[in-house]
């Protein structure tokens, strides 16, 4: 049996691909934008709440008084190079900073001033660069100049020889200037960083939610559970309860076309059989199996095939209500011999579609569906109809569908996009495997037509253009008062 639209994939899960990231971005774009804007706002607020900090620098040149010969000058320069890093380390010493506090008459301690003064050396040069910071730009410049002066006095005192002045001299190369712009806060950087952090958190949340989300949304999710072919995708219709038989009510709609596509794909299942029997079921209730079965039966009858739709849901039957038929007599009555099959079957419409309602709800549905009478009834139906479709109860709550599946050729599983989970579908497939039943394929229902999870219906053999073309033909025919041609 050929498998449609199936590619090998790890049955335990689906790895995220580039298309998945694009879908996640489309799905959560509002969250991503909002989180980025919040991050930008927080970055701006942090910048506004911070006090501006200014920095000012000065450079001090270190030299050594030596002889006038070239050798003396070279030795003096080498000595200055070896000591310049030592002098730079003295900048944040208590002796130097106490001199700064005294010179500027500052009302603070040495330890608090230590955090605002720093010094670096210029490589391969006898220059020390002293930097001071403050929330007052003028004070920053004054601190840098005062520190250079205090350092010069300290070095002179340390290097002084008995009864001689210090041979080491520190001269200011460039005095500190009053800064015009603060070095902190960096508003642009804070805003950019806040936006990036907000975006990263939103992306992480979206990815985590998608990874933890086990709901089936597309074909790849189905392939992760079973190698059964995906036979079709039925679009979500908010008015499905008001118009369950869309193929009959609006045969030109894209949703009706999806049922005809499903009908076409089913031709590849057991193609050598003259009469085919299918059980249509789902893992859980509310996934659209009854609506799918009814519309599929109508689409098959429209193609000129004789079809009988049997309501095998002997617990909560819906076929009679959906088809607007009397459900008082049906399958249950035939199985127990109360009514003959010919008296229980009802023709629907003017075409070759017949319906066998569920009838009275019995106390033992599973036993009836698995009985010899059911097997005999199926053989009789197969001799009379091209297609025998059973609308069966969900697999997980009850065993009715699994019991019935042993009598038919194949089972079609209906899975609701965005509702059914991989675990539920996997469990349903395992239940059918346990009773050696053939899973003919999977039908995705309630597929969104818009948004990130929207499915490409052109993948299933029809497009928007054909639909619009037929609509335009209808409008032209109406304007010309001519009969509509479909």
Protein backbone atom coordinates (compact mmCIF):
# COMPACT_ATOMS: atom_id res chain seq x y z
CA UNK A 1 0.00 0.00 0.00
CA UNK A 2 1.56 3.33 -1.00
CA UNK A 3 2.20 5.94 1.66
CA UNK A 4 1.42 9.51 0.72
CA UNK A 5 3.42 12.53 1.88
CA UNK A 6 5.57 10.43 4.27
CA UNK A 7 9.24 11.02 4.98
CA UNK A 8 11.42 9.11 7.48
CA UNK A 9 11.75 10.85 10.79
CA UNK A 10 12.63 9.98 14.37
CA UNK A 11 9.49 8.52 15.92
CA UNK A 12 10.35 9.96 19.32
CA UNK A 13 10.10 13.57 18.27
CA UNK A 14 10.81 16.23 15.67
CA UNK A 15 13.94 18.33 15.64
CA UNK A 16 13.44 22.02 15.15
CA UNK A 17 14.31 23.17 11.65
CA UNK A 18 14.62 26.61 10.11
CA UNK A 19 10.96 26.55 9.12
CA UNK A 20 10.04 25.88 12.76
CA UNK A 21 11.94 28.94 13.93
CA UNK A 22 10.22 31.05 11.28
CA UNK A 23 6.85 29.67 12.41
CA UNK A 24 7.68 30.41 16.06
CA UNK A 25 8.63 33.99 15.18
CA UNK A 26 5.39 34.45 13.27
CA UNK A 27 3.38 32.92 16.08
CA UNK A 28 4.97 34.88 18.91
CA UNK A 29 5.91 38.08 17.10
CA UNK A 30 3.70 40.19 19.38
CA UNK A 31 5.45 38.76 22.44
CA UNK A 32 8.88 39.27 20.87
CA UNK A 33 8.15 42.89 19.98
CA UNK A 34 6.57 43.61 23.37
CA UNK A 35 9.47 42.05 25.30
CA UNK A 36 11.98 44.00 23.21
CA UNK A 37 10.15 47.27 23.86
CA UNK A 38 9.93 46.51 27.58
CA UNK A 39 13.67 45.83 27.62
CA UNK A 40 14.34 49.09 25.81
CA UNK A 41 12.14 50.93 28.29
CA UNK A 42 13.86 49.37 31.28
CA UNK A 43 17.26 50.26 29.81
CA UNK A 44 16.14 53.86 29.42
CA UNK A 45 14.73 53.96 32.96
CA UNK A 46 17.95 52.56 34.40
CA UNK A 47 19.92 55.22 32.55
CA UNK A 48 17.65 57.98 33.84
CA UNK A 49 17.91 56.76 37.43
CA UNK A 50 21.72 56.64 37.39
CA UNK A 51 23.70 59.75 38.33
CA UNK A 52 26.05 60.84 35.54
CA UNK A 53 29.71 60.13 36.11
CA UNK A 54 32.47 62.24 34.48
CA UNK A 55 36.11 61.29 33.95
CA UNK A 56 39.15 63.50 33.49
CA UNK A 57 42.77 62.48 32.87
CA UNK A 58 46.23 63.98 33.15
CA UNK A 59 49.64 62.72 32.11
CA UNK A 60 52.81 62.83 34.18
CA UNK A 61 56.29 62.46 32.73
CA UNK A 62 58.91 60.68 34.82
CA UNK A 63 62.57 61.75 34.36
CA UNK A 64 65.87 61.28 36.17
CA UNK A 65 68.52 63.96 36.72
CA UNK A 66 71.72 62.41 35.36
CA UNK A 67 75.02 63.42 33.83
CA UNK A 68 75.38 65.06 30.49
CA UNK A 69 77.06 62.17 28.70
CA UNK A 70 75.16 59.79 26.47
CA UNK A 71 75.83 56.90 28.78
CA UNK A 72 74.46 58.79 31.77
CA UNK A 73 71.33 59.73 29.87
CA UNK A 74 70.77 56.13 28.75
CA UNK A 75 71.20 54.84 32.28
CA UNK A 76 68.81 57.48 33.61
CA UNK A 77 66.16 56.60 31.04
CA UNK A 78 66.49 52.89 31.84
CA UNK A 79 66.14 53.64 35.54
CA UNK A 80 63.02 55.74 34.93
CA UNK A 81 61.46 52.96 32.81
CA UNK A 82 62.07 50.43 35.55
CA UNK A 83 60.49 52.64 38.21
CA UNK A 84 57.52 54.11 36.31
CA UNK A 85 55.21 51.17 37.08
CA UNK A 86 56.14 51.45 40.74
CA UNK A 87 55.22 55.12 40.78
CA UNK A 88 51.89 54.32 39.06
CA UNK A 89 51.08 51.88 41.85
CA UNK A 90 51.59 54.69 44.36
CA UNK A 91 48.69 56.70 42.89
CA UNK A 92 46.04 54.96 45.01
CA UNK A 93 48.24 54.76 48.10
CA UNK A 94 47.03 56.41 51.28
CA UNK A 95 49.95 58.83 51.35
CA UNK A 96 49.15 60.20 47.88
CA UNK A 97 45.39 60.31 48.41
CA UNK A 98 45.69 61.95 51.82
CA UNK A 99 47.62 64.71 50.06
CA UNK A 100 44.75 65.06 47.56
CA UNK A 101 42.13 65.25 50.32
CA UNK A 102 44.16 67.89 52.12
CA UNK A 103 44.83 69.94 48.99
CA UNK A 104 41.19 70.01 47.89
CA UNK A 105 39.77 70.03 51.41
CA UNK A 106 37.53 67.07 50.59
CA UNK A 107 35.01 65.75 53.09
CA UNK A 108 35.66 62.06 52.47
CA UNK A 109 38.01 59.28 53.48
CA UNK A 110 40.94 57.68 51.72
CA UNK A 111 39.00 54.47 51.04
CA UNK A 112 36.13 56.26 49.30
CA UNK A 113 38.51 58.32 47.16
CA UNK A 114 40.49 55.21 46.23
CA UNK A 115 37.61 53.94 44.08
CA UNK A 116 37.63 57.11 41.98
CA UNK A 117 41.35 57.37 41.17
CA UNK A 118 43.27 55.08 38.82
CA UNK A 119 46.59 55.13 36.97
CA UNK A 120 48.03 53.39 33.94
CA UNK A 121 51.42 53.49 32.25
CA UNK A 122 52.12 54.09 28.59
CA UNK A 123 54.03 51.09 27.18
CA UNK A 124 57.71 51.71 26.48
CA UNK A 125 57.41 55.26 27.83
CA UNK A 126 58.00 56.99 31.15
CA UNK A 127 54.51 58.46 31.21
CA UNK A 128 51.85 57.82 33.82
CA UNK A 129 48.21 58.56 32.93
CA UNK A 130 46.08 59.44 35.97
CA UNK A 131 42.27 59.31 35.67
CA UNK A 132 39.74 60.62 38.21
CA UNK A 133 35.96 60.25 38.19
CA UNK A 134 33.22 62.29 39.84
CA UNK A 135 29.59 63.26 39.38
CA UNK A 136 30.90 66.84 39.05
CA UNK A 137 33.00 67.42 35.90
CA UNK A 138 35.02 70.24 37.50
CA UNK A 139 35.79 68.08 40.53
CA UNK A 140 36.97 65.25 38.27
CA UNK A 141 39.52 67.55 36.63
CA UNK A 142 40.62 68.94 39.99
CA UNK A 143 41.08 65.43 41.42
CA UNK A 144 43.27 64.38 38.48
CA UNK A 145 45.52 67.48 38.82
CA UNK A 146 45.72 67.21 42.59
CA UNK A 147 46.62 63.53 42.37
CA UNK A 148 49.45 64.22 39.92
CA UNK A 149 50.82 66.92 42.22
CA UNK A 150 50.56 64.72 45.30
CA UNK A 151 52.25 61.83 43.47
CA UNK A 152 55.15 64.11 42.46
CA UNK A 153 55.61 65.23 46.07
CA UNK A 154 55.44 61.67 47.36
CA UNK A 155 57.96 60.33 44.83
CA UNK A 156 60.33 63.23 45.55
CA UNK A 157 60.15 62.52 49.26
CA UNK A 158 60.71 58.81 48.79
CA UNK A 159 63.58 59.12 46.31
CA UNK A 160 65.35 61.94 48.16
CA UNK A 161 68.91 61.17 49.37
CA UNK A 162 70.37 62.48 52.63
CA UNK A 163 71.14 66.15 52.27
CA UNK A 164 70.21 66.01 48.55
CA UNK A 165 67.13 66.56 46.52
CA UNK A 166 65.51 63.64 44.69
CA UNK A 167 67.04 62.87 41.31
CA UNK A 168 63.59 61.76 40.08
CA UNK A 169 61.28 64.42 38.76
CA UNK A 170 57.59 64.11 37.79
CA UNK A 171 56.34 66.79 35.45
CA UNK A 172 52.79 67.27 34.21
CA UNK A 173 52.69 66.80 30.45
CA UNK A 174 48.99 67.56 29.98
CA UNK A 175 46.73 69.06 32.60
CA UNK A 176 43.29 67.63 33.15
CA UNK A 177 40.43 69.29 31.29
CA UNK A 178 36.86 69.61 32.46
CA UNK A 179 34.83 66.88 30.63
CA UNK A 180 31.72 67.91 28.73
CA UNK A 181 29.95 64.53 28.56
CA UNK A 182 29.63 61.76 31.12
CA UNK A 183 31.15 58.30 30.71
CA UNK A 184 28.24 56.78 32.61
CA UNK A 185 25.43 55.98 32.22
CA UNK A 186 25.85 54.85 28.62
CA UNK A 187 22.26 55.37 27.62
CA UNK A 188 22.56 53.98 24.11
CA UNK A 189 24.32 50.85 25.32
CA UNK A 190 21.81 50.35 28.15
CA UNK A 191 18.86 50.69 25.78
CA UNK A 192 20.39 48.30 23.25
CA UNK A 193 21.33 45.82 25.95
CA UNK A 194 17.88 46.02 27.52
CA UNK A 195 16.24 45.37 24.16
CA UNK A 196 18.52 42.39 23.46
CA UNK A 197 17.88 40.89 26.91
CA UNK A 198 14.12 41.32 26.51
CA UNK A 199 14.22 39.73 23.05
CA UNK A 200 16.41 36.86 24.27
CA UNK A 201 14.06 36.12 27.16
CA UNK A 202 11.03 36.17 24.86
CA UNK A 203 12.72 33.88 22.34
CA UNK A 204 13.72 31.50 25.13
CA UNK A 205 10.16 31.44 26.46
CA UNK A 206 8.73 30.83 22.98
CA UNK A 207 11.19 28.02 22.24
CA UNK A 208 10.61 26.39 25.61
CA UNK A 209 6.87 26.53 25.15
CA UNK A 210 7.11 25.01 21.69
CA UNK A 211 9.45 22.25 22.85
CA UNK A 212 7.17 21.37 25.76
CA UNK A 213 4.04 21.61 23.60
CA UNK A 214 3.16 18.07 22.49
CA UNK A 215 0.04 19.00 20.54
CA UNK A 216 -0.18 17.93 16.91
CA UNK A 217 -0.21 20.91 14.58
CA UNK A 218 1.08 19.77 11.20
CA UNK A 219 2.19 16.87 9.04
CA UNK A 220 5.62 16.62 10.64
CA UNK A 221 4.04 16.11 14.04
CA UNK A 222 1.98 13.26 12.62
CA UNK A 223 5.04 11.67 11.03
CA UNK A 224 6.79 11.80 14.40
CA UNK A 225 4.14 9.42 15.77
CA UNK A 226 3.24 7.09 12.90
CA UNK A 227 4.39 6.22 9.39
CA UNK A 228 0.77 6.08 8.24
CA UNK A 229 0.12 8.56 5.40
CA UNK A 230 -1.48 11.92 5.99
CA UNK A 231 -4.56 11.66 3.80
CA UNK A 232 -5.79 15.23 4.10
CA UNK A 233 -6.20 18.38 6.13
CA UNK A 234 -9.62 19.85 6.90
CA UNK A 235 -9.73 23.57 7.62
CA UNK A 236 -11.25 24.87 10.83
CA UNK A 237 -14.80 26.15 10.42
CA UNK A 238 -16.28 28.12 13.34
CA UNK A 239 -19.76 27.35 11.96
CA UNK A 240 -19.19 23.61 11.67
CA UNK A 241 -21.86 22.80 14.26
CA UNK A 242 -24.45 24.88 12.40
CA UNK A 243 -23.52 23.39 9.00
CA UNK A 244 -21.84 20.02 9.55
CA UNK A 245 -22.50 18.82 5.98
CA UNK A 246 -20.39 21.45 4.24
CA UNK A 247 -19.97 19.35 1.08
CA UNK A 248 -23.74 19.47 0.61
CA UNK A 249 -24.35 23.03 1.81
CA UNK A 250 -21.43 24.75 0.05
CA UNK A 251 -19.84 22.33 -2.42
CA UNK A 252 -17.59 25.00 -3.96
CA UNK A 253 -15.88 26.03 -0.73
CA UNK A 254 -12.21 25.17 -0.09
CA UNK A 255 -13.28 23.09 2.92
CA UNK A 256 -15.53 20.98 0.68
CA UNK A 257 -12.67 20.55 -1.73
CA UNK A 258 -10.54 19.17 1.09
CA UNK A 259 -13.04 16.35 1.59
CA UNK A 260 -12.91 15.55 -2.11
CA UNK A 261 -9.12 15.48 -1.84
CA UNK A 262 -9.48 13.06 1.06
CA UNK A 263 -11.77 10.93 -1.10
CA UNK A 264 -9.15 10.89 -3.86
CA UNK A 265 -6.33 9.90 -1.52
CA UNK A 266 -8.42 7.07 -0.10
CA UNK A 267 -8.49 5.51 -3.58
CA UNK A 268 -4.89 4.44 -2.96
CA UNK A 269 -5.86 2.33 0.05
CA UNK A 270 -6.55 -1.29 -0.89
CA UNK A 271 -6.88 -0.39 -4.57
CA UNK A 272 -7.48 -4.02 -5.59
CA UNK A 273 -10.65 -4.37 -3.49
CA UNK A 274 -13.99 -4.14 -5.24
CA UNK A 275 -15.69 -3.03 -2.03
CA UNK A 276 -13.91 -1.19 0.72
CA UNK A 277 -14.75 -0.84 4.38
CA UNK A 278 -13.30 1.80 6.67
CA UNK A 279 -13.60 2.66 10.33
CA UNK A 280 -13.24 6.38 10.97
CA UNK A 281 -12.31 7.13 14.56
CA UNK A 282 -10.16 9.40 16.71
CA UNK A 283 -8.14 9.23 19.89
CA UNK A 284 -10.43 11.42 21.98
CA UNK A 285 -13.92 12.94 21.63
CA UNK A 286 -14.51 16.27 19.89
CA UNK A 287 -11.95 15.89 17.10
CA UNK A 288 -14.48 16.01 14.23
CA UNK A 289 -14.64 12.33 13.26
CA UNK A 290 -18.44 12.26 12.75
CA UNK A 291 -18.43 15.39 10.59
CA UNK A 292 -15.47 14.07 8.62
CA UNK A 293 -17.16 10.71 7.99
CA UNK A 294 -20.45 12.29 6.87
CA UNK A 295 -18.82 14.74 4.45
CA UNK A 296 -16.53 12.03 3.10
CA UNK A 297 -19.56 9.82 2.42
CA UNK A 298 -21.29 12.64 0.53
CA UNK A 299 -18.15 13.34 -1.51
CA UNK A 300 -17.90 9.64 -2.46
CA UNK A 301 -21.56 9.54 -3.46
CA UNK A 302 -21.07 12.68 -5.57
CA UNK A 303 -18.37 10.77 -7.46
CA UNK A 304 -20.95 8.15 -8.49
CA UNK A 305 -19.99 5.47 -5.96
CA UNK A 306 -22.50 3.63 -3.82
CA UNK A 307 -21.81 4.39 -0.18
CA UNK A 308 -23.36 3.35 3.10
CA UNK A 309 -22.59 5.31 6.25
CA UNK A 310 -23.01 3.23 9.40
CA UNK A 311 -23.22 4.94 12.77
CA UNK A 312 -21.21 2.52 14.90
CA UNK A 313 -21.04 4.92 17.84
CA UNK A 314 -23.54 3.05 19.99
CA UNK A 315 -22.86 5.30 22.97
CA UNK A 316 -23.23 8.86 21.63
CA UNK A 317 -24.55 8.55 18.05
CA UNK A 318 -24.50 11.69 15.91
CA UNK A 319 -24.95 10.55 12.33
CA UNK A 320 -28.76 10.66 12.34
CA UNK A 321 -28.78 14.20 13.73
CA UNK A 322 -26.09 15.39 11.30
CA UNK A 323 -27.88 13.85 8.33
CA UNK A 324 -31.33 14.98 9.56
CA UNK A 325 -32.68 11.41 9.63
CA UNK A 326 -34.80 9.37 12.02
CA UNK A 327 -32.45 7.47 14.31
CA UNK A 328 -35.00 5.37 16.17
CA UNK A 329 -34.16 2.18 14.26
CA UNK A 330 -30.67 1.24 13.16
CA UNK A 331 -27.56 -0.88 13.64
CA UNK A 332 -28.44 -2.17 17.10
CA UNK A 333 -31.83 -3.42 15.94
CA UNK A 334 -30.30 -5.20 12.94
CA UNK A 335 -27.59 -6.91 15.02
CA UNK A 336 -30.04 -8.33 17.54
CA UNK A 337 -32.39 -9.45 14.77
CA UNK A 338 -35.24 -7.14 15.65
CA UNK A 339 -35.29 -5.45 12.23
CA UNK A 340 -34.16 -6.50 8.78
CA UNK A 341 -31.31 -4.54 7.22
CA UNK A 342 -33.45 -3.33 4.33
CA UNK A 343 -35.92 -1.78 6.77
CA UNK A 344 -33.23 0.00 8.84
CA UNK A 345 -31.22 1.56 5.99
CA UNK A 346 -32.33 5.00 4.80
CA UNK A 347 -31.41 6.70 1.57
CA UNK A 348 -29.99 10.21 1.92
CA UNK A 349 -30.71 12.66 -0.84
CA UNK A 350 -31.15 11.64 -4.45
CA UNK A 351 -27.74 10.04 -4.95
CA UNK A 352 -26.27 6.68 -4.05
CA UNK A 353 -25.71 7.46 -0.35
CA UNK A 354 -27.40 5.35 2.29
CA UNK A 355 -27.30 5.66 6.06
CA UNK A 356 -27.67 3.06 8.78
CA UNK A 357 -28.23 4.96 12.05
CA UNK A 358 -27.12 3.61 15.41
CA UNK A 359 -30.60 2.80 16.62
CA UNK A 360 -31.31 2.15 20.27
CA UNK A 361 -28.34 2.55 22.63
CA UNK A 362 -27.50 -0.96 23.95
CA UNK A 363 -26.00 -1.91 27.32
CA UNK A 364 -23.16 -3.83 25.62
CA UNK A 365 -21.84 -1.84 22.60
CA UNK A 366 -18.42 -3.52 22.43
CA UNK A 367 -19.90 -7.02 22.44
CA UNK A 368 -22.33 -6.15 19.66
CA UNK A 369 -19.67 -4.60 17.45
CA UNK A 370 -17.38 -7.59 17.91
CA UNK A 371 -20.09 -10.21 17.40
CA UNK A 372 -20.49 -12.68 14.54
CA UNK A 373 -23.65 -10.84 13.58
CA UNK A 374 -21.51 -7.73 12.94
CA UNK A 375 -19.12 -9.70 10.74
CA UNK A 376 -22.03 -11.18 8.80
CA UNK A 377 -23.62 -7.74 8.39
CA UNK A 378 -20.39 -6.29 7.05
CA UNK A 379 -20.08 -9.01 4.42
CA UNK A 380 -23.62 -8.30 3.33
CA UNK A 381 -22.93 -4.57 3.08
CA UNK A 382 -19.75 -5.14 1.08
CA UNK A 383 -21.69 -7.04 -1.56
CA UNK A 384 -24.10 -4.14 -2.01
CA UNK A 385 -21.93 -1.01 -1.73
CA UNK A 386 -18.64 0.27 -3.09
CA UNK A 387 -17.77 1.88 0.24
CA UNK A 388 -18.80 0.97 3.79
CA UNK A 389 -17.92 3.74 6.25
CA UNK A 390 -18.22 3.24 10.00
CA UNK A 391 -18.36 6.24 12.32
CA UNK A 392 -16.86 4.66 15.45
CA UNK A 393 -16.37 5.98 19.01
CA UNK A 394 -12.98 7.40 20.12
CA UNK A 395 -10.28 4.84 20.84
CA UNK A 396 -8.97 5.99 24.19
CA UNK A 397 -12.19 6.18 26.25
CA UNK A 398 -13.70 2.87 24.99
CA UNK A 399 -12.63 -0.21 23.03
CA UNK A 400 -15.50 -0.16 20.51
CA UNK A 401 -13.45 1.15 17.58
CA UNK A 402 -10.61 -1.32 18.21
CA UNK A 403 -13.10 -4.22 18.33
CA UNK A 404 -14.83 -3.07 15.16
CA UNK A 405 -11.53 -2.50 13.34
CA UNK A 406 -10.88 -6.26 13.23
CA UNK A 407 -13.80 -6.67 10.79
CA UNK A 408 -12.84 -3.92 8.30
CA UNK A 409 -9.99 -3.46 5.87
CA UNK A 410 -8.54 -0.24 7.24
CA UNK A 411 -8.86 2.46 9.89
CA UNK A 412 -8.69 6.21 9.34
CA UNK A 413 -7.60 8.18 12.39
CA UNK A 414 -8.90 11.73 12.77
CA UNK A 415 -6.67 14.10 14.76
CA UNK A 416 -7.64 17.64 15.65
CA UNK A 417 -4.84 20.14 15.00
CA UNK A 418 -3.94 22.07 18.13
CA UNK A 419 -5.99 19.76 20.38
CA UNK A 420 -4.81 16.18 19.96
CA UNK A 421 -1.42 15.42 21.47
CA UNK A 422 1.33 13.19 20.13
CA UNK A 423 0.90 10.90 23.12
CA UNK A 424 -2.82 10.48 22.46
CA UNK A 425 -2.32 9.72 18.77
CA UNK A 426 0.54 7.36 19.56
CA UNK A 427 -1.59 5.50 22.11
CA UNK A 428 -4.42 5.20 19.57
CA UNK A 429 -2.03 3.73 16.99
CA UNK A 430 -0.68 1.27 19.56
CA UNK A 431 -4.19 0.14 20.45
CA UNK A 432 -4.87 -0.64 16.81
CA UNK A 433 -1.53 -2.41 16.45
CA UNK A 434 -2.42 -4.55 19.46
CA UNK A 435 -5.45 -5.97 17.63
CA UNK A 436 -3.50 -6.20 14.32
CA UNK A 437 -5.64 -3.54 12.64
CA UNK A 438 -4.36 -1.60 9.65
CA UNK A 439 -4.06 2.17 10.02
CA UNK A 440 -4.84 3.42 6.55
CA UNK A 441 -3.98 7.02 7.25
CA UNK A 442 -4.49 10.13 9.34
CA UNK A 443 -6.74 13.12 8.68
CA UNK A 444 -5.94 16.45 10.33
CA UNK A 445 -9.07 18.40 11.23
CA UNK A 446 -9.69 21.92 12.53
CA UNK A 447 -6.50 23.13 10.84
CA UNK A 448 -6.14 26.92 11.19
CA UNK A 449 -6.27 28.88 7.95
CA UNK A 450 -4.40 31.88 9.30
CA UNK A 451 -1.46 32.51 11.56
CA UNK A 452 1.82 30.70 12.09
CA UNK A 453 0.18 27.25 12.30
CA UNK A 454 -1.83 27.66 9.10
CA UNK A 455 -1.38 24.76 6.75
CA UNK A 456 -0.66 24.90 3.02
CA UNK A 457 -3.69 23.41 1.39
CA UNK A 458 -2.13 23.53 -2.04
CA UNK A 459 -0.11 20.57 -0.77
CA UNK A 460 -3.27 18.51 -1.04
CA UNK A 461 -4.09 19.18 -4.64
CA UNK A 462 -6.10 22.36 -4.93
CA UNK A 463 -5.56 26.06 -4.66
CA UNK A 464 -7.36 29.32 -4.09
CA UNK A 465 -7.38 30.20 -7.77
CA UNK A 466 -9.73 27.39 -8.81
CA UNK A 467 -12.20 28.36 -6.12
CA UNK A 468 -12.18 32.01 -7.08
CA UNK A 469 -12.49 31.08 -10.75
CA UNK A 470 -15.64 29.06 -10.08
CA UNK A 471 -17.08 31.91 -8.00
CA UNK A 472 -16.46 34.34 -10.84
CA UNK A 473 -18.22 31.99 -13.26
CA UNK A 474 -21.20 31.89 -10.91
CA UNK A 475 -21.35 35.67 -10.74
CA UNK A 476 -21.19 36.00 -14.53
CA UNK A 477 -23.92 33.39 -14.98
CA UNK A 478 -26.13 35.21 -12.50
CA UNK A 479 -25.68 38.54 -14.24
CA UNK A 480 -26.57 37.01 -17.59
CA UNK A 481 -29.55 35.18 -16.08
CA UNK A 482 -28.10 31.92 -17.31
CA UNK A 483 -28.01 28.61 -15.41
CA UNK A 484 -24.91 28.18 -13.29
CA UNK A 485 -22.40 25.68 -14.57
CA UNK A 486 -20.26 23.81 -12.07
